[in-house]
Amino acid sequence: MSRAPLPSRRTSEIIDFQHDSLRYTASISRFDNGHLAEVFLDAEKVGAAASVIARDLAVTASLALQYGCPATVLRKALTHDARGIAAGPLGALLDLVEGSMPAPRQSDGGEA
């Protein structure tokens, strides 16, 4: 299977959210058919392990999406707790943009 090319200029959507007491900023782009095509994800603490992991997860997810893996398959494959809430930031983002699963966990001190 070959990688679906993305146009050099494309519309993207910025999403700020909070998961497990960390703030994240995501940027998503879609293919012309509306399916998710790429994900960029950064944690508030640049250079911290959480930020590096979030960025690497987003690159991996983007490659999977561009090679034909549906976002719903990725979303369901990621860890969720017994209540169906995503355990990690990529799962929380995919739940927000692609599904009807619960919104990401909120910390006591902030809004999403």
N, C-alpha and C. Protein backbone atom coordinates (compact mmCIF):
# COMPACT_ATOMS: atom_id res chain seq x y z
N MET A 1 0.86 -1.18 0.00
CA MET A 1 0.00 0.00 0.00
C MET A 1 0.90 1.24 0.00
N SER A 2 0.50 2.24 -0.75
CA SER A 2 1.30 3.46 -0.81
C SER A 2 0.70 4.54 0.09
N ARG A 3 1.53 5.47 0.39
CA ARG A 3 1.14 6.58 1.27
C ARG A 3 0.32 7.60 0.49
N ALA A 4 -0.82 8.01 1.05
CA ALA A 4 -1.67 9.01 0.42
C ALA A 4 -1.01 10.38 0.54
N PRO A 5 -0.77 11.03 -0.60
CA PRO A 5 -0.12 12.34 -0.54
C PRO A 5 -1.07 13.42 0.00
N LEU A 6 -0.49 14.36 0.70
CA LEU A 6 -1.25 15.51 1.20
C LEU A 6 -0.84 16.74 0.41
N PRO A 7 -1.80 17.63 0.14
CA PRO A 7 -1.42 18.86 -0.56
C PRO A 7 -0.47 19.70 0.29
N SER A 8 0.39 20.48 -0.38
CA SER A 8 1.34 21.34 0.36
C SER A 8 0.61 22.32 1.26
N ARG A 9 -0.49 22.86 0.77
CA ARG A 9 -1.31 23.78 1.57
C ARG A 9 -2.62 23.08 1.87
N ARG A 10 -2.94 23.02 3.16
CA ARG A 10 -4.18 22.36 3.56
C ARG A 10 -4.74 23.04 4.81
N THR A 11 -6.02 22.93 4.95
CA THR A 11 -6.68 23.50 6.11
C THR A 11 -6.38 22.63 7.33
N SER A 12 -6.14 23.26 8.45
CA SER A 12 -5.97 22.51 9.69
C SER A 12 -6.79 23.16 10.79
N GLU A 13 -7.06 22.36 11.77
CA GLU A 13 -7.86 22.80 12.92
C GLU A 13 -6.99 22.69 14.16
N ILE A 14 -6.99 23.73 14.99
CA ILE A 14 -6.24 23.73 16.24
C ILE A 14 -7.19 23.38 17.38
N ILE A 15 -6.75 22.45 18.23
CA ILE A 15 -7.57 22.01 19.36
C ILE A 15 -6.71 22.07 20.61
N ASP A 16 -7.13 22.83 21.60
CA ASP A 16 -6.49 22.86 22.91
C ASP A 16 -7.32 22.01 23.85
N PHE A 17 -6.66 21.13 24.59
CA PHE A 17 -7.38 20.30 25.56
C PHE A 17 -6.46 19.94 26.71
N GLN A 18 -7.06 19.42 27.75
CA GLN A 18 -6.31 19.02 28.94
C GLN A 18 -6.56 17.54 29.18
N HIS A 19 -5.49 16.84 29.52
CA HIS A 19 -5.59 15.41 29.83
C HIS A 19 -4.60 15.09 30.94
N ASP A 20 -5.07 14.46 31.99
CA ASP A 20 -4.20 14.11 33.13
C ASP A 20 -3.36 15.28 33.62
N SER A 21 -3.99 16.41 33.82
CA SER A 21 -3.37 17.62 34.37
C SER A 21 -2.34 18.29 33.46
N LEU A 22 -2.24 17.86 32.22
CA LEU A 22 -1.35 18.52 31.27
C LEU A 22 -2.19 19.12 30.15
N ARG A 23 -1.78 20.31 29.72
CA ARG A 23 -2.46 20.96 28.58
C ARG A 23 -1.75 20.54 27.30
N TYR A 24 -2.55 20.26 26.29
CA TYR A 24 -2.04 19.87 24.98
C TYR A 24 -2.62 20.78 23.92
N THR A 25 -1.85 20.99 22.87
CA THR A 25 -2.34 21.68 21.68
C THR A 25 -2.15 20.71 20.52
N ALA A 26 -3.24 20.50 19.80
CA ALA A 26 -3.20 19.61 18.64
C ALA A 26 -3.57 20.38 17.39
N SER A 27 -3.03 19.94 16.29
CA SER A 27 -3.41 20.44 14.98
C SER A 27 -3.77 19.22 14.15
N ILE A 28 -4.94 19.25 13.52
CA ILE A 28 -5.35 18.12 12.68
C ILE A 28 -5.68 18.63 11.27
N SER A 29 -5.43 17.78 10.31
CA SER A 29 -5.81 18.05 8.92
C SER A 29 -6.56 16.83 8.41
N ARG A 30 -7.40 17.06 7.42
CA ARG A 30 -8.21 15.98 6.87
C ARG A 30 -7.97 15.85 5.37
N PHE A 31 -8.22 14.64 4.86
CA PHE A 31 -8.23 14.42 3.42
C PHE A 31 -9.46 15.10 2.83
N ASP A 32 -9.50 15.21 1.52
CA ASP A 32 -10.64 15.85 0.86
C ASP A 32 -11.96 15.15 1.19
N ASN A 33 -11.91 13.84 1.49
CA ASN A 33 -13.13 13.10 1.82
C ASN A 33 -13.57 13.28 3.27
N GLY A 34 -12.84 14.09 4.04
CA GLY A 34 -13.19 14.37 5.42
C GLY A 34 -12.52 13.47 6.45
N HIS A 35 -11.86 12.41 6.00
CA HIS A 35 -11.18 11.51 6.94
C HIS A 35 -9.92 12.17 7.49
N LEU A 36 -9.61 11.88 8.73
CA LEU A 36 -8.43 12.42 9.38
C LEU A 36 -7.17 12.01 8.62
N ALA A 37 -6.27 12.96 8.35
CA ALA A 37 -5.08 12.70 7.56
C ALA A 37 -3.78 12.87 8.34
N GLU A 38 -3.75 13.82 9.26
CA GLU A 38 -2.52 14.03 10.03
C GLU A 38 -2.84 14.69 11.36
N VAL A 39 -1.94 14.44 12.29
CA VAL A 39 -2.10 14.94 13.66
C VAL A 39 -0.76 15.48 14.13
N PHE A 40 -0.78 16.66 14.71
CA PHE A 40 0.38 17.19 15.42
C PHE A 40 -0.07 17.38 16.86
N LEU A 41 0.79 17.05 17.81
CA LEU A 41 0.39 17.10 19.21
C LEU A 41 1.58 17.57 20.05
N ASP A 42 1.36 18.60 20.85
CA ASP A 42 2.39 19.12 21.74
C ASP A 42 1.84 19.27 23.14
N ALA A 43 2.66 18.96 24.13
CA ALA A 43 2.31 19.17 25.53
C ALA A 43 2.82 20.55 25.94
N GLU A 44 2.25 21.07 27.03
CA GLU A 44 2.61 22.42 27.49
C GLU A 44 4.07 22.54 27.88
N LYS A 45 4.67 21.48 28.33
CA LYS A 45 6.06 21.52 28.80
C LYS A 45 6.98 21.03 27.69
N VAL A 46 7.39 21.94 26.82
CA VAL A 46 8.24 21.60 25.68
C VAL A 46 9.55 21.01 26.18
N GLY A 47 9.96 19.92 25.58
CA GLY A 47 11.20 19.26 25.97
C GLY A 47 11.02 18.20 27.03
N ALA A 48 9.89 18.24 27.72
CA ALA A 48 9.62 17.23 28.75
C ALA A 48 9.26 15.91 28.07
N ALA A 49 9.42 14.83 28.80
CA ALA A 49 9.13 13.50 28.24
C ALA A 49 7.71 13.43 27.68
N ALA A 50 6.75 14.02 28.35
CA ALA A 50 5.36 13.97 27.87
C ALA A 50 5.22 14.64 26.51
N SER A 51 5.94 15.71 26.30
CA SER A 51 5.88 16.43 25.03
C SER A 51 6.53 15.61 23.91
N VAL A 52 7.66 15.01 24.19
CA VAL A 52 8.35 14.18 23.20
C VAL A 52 7.49 12.99 22.82
N ILE A 53 6.92 12.34 23.81
CA ILE A 53 6.07 11.17 23.55
C ILE A 53 4.84 11.58 22.75
N ALA A 54 4.22 12.69 23.10
CA ALA A 54 3.03 13.17 22.38
C ALA A 54 3.37 13.44 20.92
N ARG A 55 4.48 14.12 20.66
CA ARG A 55 4.88 14.41 19.28
C ARG A 55 5.15 13.13 18.50
N ASP A 56 5.87 12.19 19.12
CA ASP A 56 6.18 10.93 18.44
C ASP A 56 4.92 10.11 18.16
N LEU A 57 3.98 10.11 19.11
CA LEU A 57 2.71 9.42 18.88
C LEU A 57 1.96 10.03 17.70
N ALA A 58 1.97 11.34 17.61
CA ALA A 58 1.27 12.03 16.53
C ALA A 58 1.89 11.71 15.17
N VAL A 59 3.20 11.67 15.10
CA VAL A 59 3.87 11.32 13.85
C VAL A 59 3.50 9.90 13.45
N THR A 60 3.54 8.99 14.40
CA THR A 60 3.19 7.60 14.13
C THR A 60 1.74 7.48 13.66
N ALA A 61 0.84 8.18 14.33
CA ALA A 61 -0.58 8.15 13.94
C ALA A 61 -0.76 8.75 12.55
N SER A 62 -0.08 9.84 12.25
CA SER A 62 -0.19 10.47 10.94
C SER A 62 0.26 9.52 9.83
N LEU A 63 1.37 8.84 10.05
CA LEU A 63 1.83 7.88 9.04
C LEU A 63 0.82 6.75 8.86
N ALA A 64 0.28 6.24 9.95
CA ALA A 64 -0.73 5.17 9.86
C ALA A 64 -1.95 5.66 9.08
N LEU A 65 -2.41 6.87 9.37
CA LEU A 65 -3.56 7.43 8.66
C LEU A 65 -3.28 7.59 7.18
N GLN A 66 -2.09 8.04 6.83
CA GLN A 66 -1.74 8.27 5.43
C GLN A 66 -1.49 6.97 4.66
N TYR A 67 -1.24 5.90 5.40
CA TYR A 67 -1.09 4.59 4.76
C TYR A 67 -2.40 3.80 4.80
N GLY A 68 -3.50 4.46 5.20
CA GLY A 68 -4.81 3.85 5.07
C GLY A 68 -5.48 3.34 6.33
N CYS A 69 -4.84 3.46 7.48
CA CYS A 69 -5.48 3.01 8.72
C CYS A 69 -6.56 4.03 9.11
N PRO A 70 -7.81 3.60 9.25
CA PRO A 70 -8.86 4.54 9.66
C PRO A 70 -8.64 5.05 11.09
N ALA A 71 -8.99 6.30 11.33
CA ALA A 71 -8.85 6.89 12.66
C ALA A 71 -9.64 6.10 13.70
N THR A 72 -10.78 5.55 13.30
CA THR A 72 -11.58 4.77 14.26
C THR A 72 -10.84 3.52 14.72
N VAL A 73 -10.06 2.93 13.84
CA VAL A 73 -9.27 1.75 14.22
C VAL A 73 -8.18 2.15 15.21
N LEU A 74 -7.48 3.27 14.92
CA LEU A 74 -6.47 3.76 15.87
C LEU A 74 -7.10 4.06 17.22
N ARG A 75 -8.22 4.79 17.19
CA ARG A 75 -8.88 5.19 18.43
C ARG A 75 -9.24 3.99 19.29
N LYS A 76 -9.81 2.98 18.67
CA LYS A 76 -10.22 1.79 19.43
C LYS A 76 -9.03 0.97 19.91
N ALA A 77 -7.89 1.06 19.20
CA ALA A 77 -6.71 0.28 19.58
C ALA A 77 -5.97 0.88 20.77
N LEU A 78 -6.15 2.17 21.01
CA LEU A 78 -5.45 2.83 22.11
C LEU A 78 -6.10 2.50 23.44
N THR A 79 -5.34 2.61 24.51
CA THR A 79 -5.81 2.24 25.84
C THR A 79 -6.89 3.18 26.35
N HIS A 80 -7.97 2.58 26.85
CA HIS A 80 -9.06 3.28 27.51
C HIS A 80 -9.31 2.58 28.85
N ASP A 81 -9.76 3.32 29.84
CA ASP A 81 -10.04 2.70 31.14
C ASP A 81 -11.40 1.99 31.09
N ALA A 82 -11.80 1.43 32.22
CA ALA A 82 -13.04 0.66 32.29
C ALA A 82 -14.27 1.50 31.95
N ARG A 83 -14.15 2.82 32.11
CA ARG A 83 -15.28 3.71 31.77
C ARG A 83 -15.25 4.15 30.31
N GLY A 84 -14.22 3.73 29.57
CA GLY A 84 -14.11 4.10 28.17
C GLY A 84 -13.36 5.40 27.95
N ILE A 85 -12.73 5.93 28.98
CA ILE A 85 -11.99 7.19 28.88
C ILE A 85 -10.55 6.89 28.46
N ALA A 86 -10.07 7.64 27.48
CA ALA A 86 -8.72 7.43 26.96
C ALA A 86 -7.67 7.58 28.04
N ALA A 87 -6.68 6.70 28.02
CA ALA A 87 -5.62 6.74 29.01
C ALA A 87 -4.50 7.70 28.61
N GLY A 88 -4.37 8.01 27.33
CA GLY A 88 -3.30 8.87 26.87
C GLY A 88 -3.81 10.03 26.03
N PRO A 89 -2.92 10.98 25.73
CA PRO A 89 -3.35 12.18 25.01
C PRO A 89 -3.79 11.93 23.57
N LEU A 90 -3.16 11.02 22.86
CA LEU A 90 -3.59 10.75 21.49
C LEU A 90 -4.98 10.14 21.48
N GLY A 91 -5.23 9.21 22.38
CA GLY A 91 -6.57 8.62 22.48
C GLY A 91 -7.61 9.66 22.84
N ALA A 92 -7.26 10.57 23.74
CA ALA A 92 -8.19 11.63 24.14
C ALA A 92 -8.51 12.54 22.95
N LEU A 93 -7.48 12.88 22.17
CA LEU A 93 -7.69 13.71 21.00
C LEU A 93 -8.57 13.00 19.97
N LEU A 94 -8.26 11.75 19.69
CA LEU A 94 -9.07 11.00 18.72
C LEU A 94 -10.51 10.84 19.19
N ASP A 95 -10.70 10.67 20.48
CA ASP A 95 -12.06 10.61 21.01
C ASP A 95 -12.79 11.93 20.76
N LEU A 96 -12.08 13.03 20.91
CA LEU A 96 -12.68 14.34 20.69
C LEU A 96 -13.06 14.58 19.23
N VAL A 97 -12.18 14.21 18.31
CA VAL A 97 -12.40 14.57 16.91
C VAL A 97 -13.06 13.48 16.07
N GLU A 98 -13.02 12.25 16.52
CA GLU A 98 -13.51 11.17 15.68
C GLU A 98 -14.62 10.33 16.29
N GLY A 99 -14.91 10.50 17.55
CA GLY A 99 -15.85 9.57 18.12
C GLY A 99 -16.79 10.12 19.14
N SER A 100 -17.59 9.23 19.62
CA SER A 100 -18.56 9.59 20.64
C SER A 100 -18.17 9.05 22.00
N MET A 101 -16.91 8.63 22.13
CA MET A 101 -16.42 8.18 23.42
C MET A 101 -16.35 9.38 24.35
N PRO A 102 -16.25 9.17 25.65
CA PRO A 102 -16.23 10.30 26.59
C PRO A 102 -15.10 11.28 26.29
N ALA A 103 -15.32 12.53 26.68
CA ALA A 103 -14.29 13.56 26.55
C ALA A 103 -13.11 13.22 27.46
N PRO A 104 -11.93 13.80 27.20
CA PRO A 104 -10.78 13.50 28.04
C PRO A 104 -10.99 13.94 29.48
N ARG A 105 -10.26 13.27 30.37
CA ARG A 105 -10.34 13.60 31.79
C ARG A 105 -9.95 15.04 32.05
N GLN A 106 -10.61 15.65 32.98
CA GLN A 106 -10.31 17.02 33.37
C GLN A 106 -9.60 17.00 34.72
N SER A 107 -8.68 17.93 34.90
CA SER A 107 -8.08 18.07 36.21
C SER A 107 -9.00 18.92 37.06
N ASP A 108 -8.82 18.91 38.35
CA ASP A 108 -9.65 19.71 39.25
C ASP A 108 -9.42 21.19 39.07
N GLY A 109 -8.26 21.58 38.52
CA GLY A 109 -7.93 23.00 38.47
C GLY A 109 -8.07 23.68 37.14
N GLY A 110 -8.66 23.04 36.13
CA GLY A 110 -8.70 23.74 34.86
C GLY A 110 -9.80 23.27 33.95
N GLU A 111 -9.93 24.00 32.87
CA GLU A 111 -10.91 23.67 31.85
C GLU A 111 -10.20 23.06 30.66
N ALA A 112 -10.95 22.35 29.84
CA ALA A 112 -10.38 21.79 28.61
C ALA A 112 -10.45 22.80 27.51
